Amino acid sequence: MYHLAGLPPACLLHSVEDEFSPFSQSVELAKGMERQGLLHEFCSYEWPKHYFSTRADGARALQMFQDALSCVHGFLSGE
């Protein structure tokens, strides 16, 4: 794993179905951040694959965007 010290808060969003970027990499990154006490939030999804269409997956895309905004808001507000 890469050097993580000093990494800013991170929102990790990853699909278990991603065919290009292995889900296990985000799992390992989250574990590494946890071990080092780094602020992060990890959201996993059963969908989409690597890419998604906001037209085809409107509700799912909205959920991902809401999760990302909630994560960032939490970091900025100190929650």
Protein backbone atom coordinates (compact mmCIF):
# COMPACT_ATOMS: atom_id res chain seq x y z
CA MET A 1 0.00 0.00 0.00
CA TYR A 2 1.16 3.49 -0.73
CA HIS A 3 2.24 5.90 1.96
CA LEU A 4 -0.95 7.29 3.52
CA ALA A 5 0.35 9.70 6.17
CA GLY A 6 -1.05 13.19 5.72
CA LEU A 7 -3.79 12.07 3.36
CA PRO A 8 -6.78 14.44 3.61
CA PRO A 9 -10.24 13.09 4.44
CA ALA A 10 -11.48 10.82 1.67
CA CYS A 11 -14.86 9.68 0.41
CA LEU A 12 -14.48 6.24 -1.14
CA LEU A 13 -17.35 5.15 -3.38
CA HIS A 14 -16.96 1.86 -5.21
CA SER A 15 -19.11 -0.76 -6.89
CA VAL A 16 -18.50 -4.42 -6.17
CA GLU A 17 -19.33 -4.97 -9.86
CA ASP A 18 -16.56 -2.65 -11.16
CA GLU A 19 -14.83 -4.49 -14.00
CA PHE A 20 -11.87 -2.08 -14.34
CA SER A 21 -10.90 -1.12 -10.82
CA PRO A 22 -11.05 -4.05 -8.37
CA PHE A 23 -13.37 -3.48 -5.42
CA SER A 24 -10.76 -5.13 -3.21
CA GLN A 25 -8.45 -2.15 -3.75
CA SER A 26 -10.93 0.23 -2.12
CA VAL A 27 -11.47 -2.25 0.69
CA GLU A 28 -7.72 -2.39 1.32
CA LEU A 29 -7.39 1.41 1.11
CA ALA A 30 -10.20 1.84 3.66
CA LYS A 31 -8.52 -0.70 5.96
CA GLY A 32 -5.18 1.09 5.64
CA MET A 33 -6.78 4.44 6.38
CA GLU A 34 -8.57 2.93 9.37
CA ARG A 35 -5.31 1.48 10.74
CA GLN A 36 -3.64 4.88 10.47
CA GLY A 37 -6.57 6.75 11.99
CA LEU A 38 -7.25 8.72 8.80
CA LEU A 39 -10.67 10.26 8.33
CA HIS A 40 -12.62 8.54 5.59
CA GLU A 41 -15.99 7.17 4.63
CA PHE A 42 -16.43 4.09 2.47
CA CYS A 43 -19.64 3.51 0.51
CA SER A 44 -20.06 0.34 -1.50
CA TYR A 45 -22.68 -0.38 -4.12
CA GLU A 46 -23.96 -3.49 -5.88
CA TRP A 47 -24.21 -1.36 -9.04
CA PRO A 48 -23.16 0.07 -11.43
CA LYS A 49 -20.15 -1.33 -13.16
CA HIS A 50 -17.29 1.14 -13.70
CA TYR A 51 -19.40 3.65 -15.58
CA PHE A 52 -23.01 4.63 -15.11
CA SER A 53 -25.57 6.64 -16.96
CA THR A 54 -27.58 9.20 -15.04
CA ARG A 55 -30.44 8.59 -17.46
CA ALA A 56 -30.45 4.82 -17.16
CA ASP A 57 -29.56 4.77 -13.47
CA GLY A 58 -31.12 8.02 -12.27
CA ALA A 59 -32.12 6.90 -8.78
CA ARG A 60 -28.87 5.02 -8.27
CA ALA A 61 -26.76 7.91 -9.53
CA LEU A 62 -28.67 10.29 -7.27
CA GLN A 63 -27.94 8.03 -4.30
CA MET A 64 -24.23 8.04 -5.09
CA PHE A 65 -24.18 11.83 -5.48
CA GLN A 66 -26.08 12.24 -2.21
CA ASP A 67 -23.65 9.91 -0.44
CA ALA A 68 -20.67 11.86 -1.80
CA LEU A 69 -22.18 15.22 -0.78
CA SER A 70 -23.10 13.89 2.65
CA CYS A 71 -19.55 12.63 3.10
CA VAL A 72 -17.98 15.96 2.13
CA HIS A 73 -20.49 17.90 4.23
CA GLY A 74 -19.66 15.73 7.22
CA PHE A 75 -15.94 16.38 6.82
CA LEU A 76 -16.42 20.14 6.39
CA SER A 77 -18.79 20.46 9.34
CA GLY A 78 -16.60 18.34 11.59
CA GLU A 79 -19.20 15.61 12.06
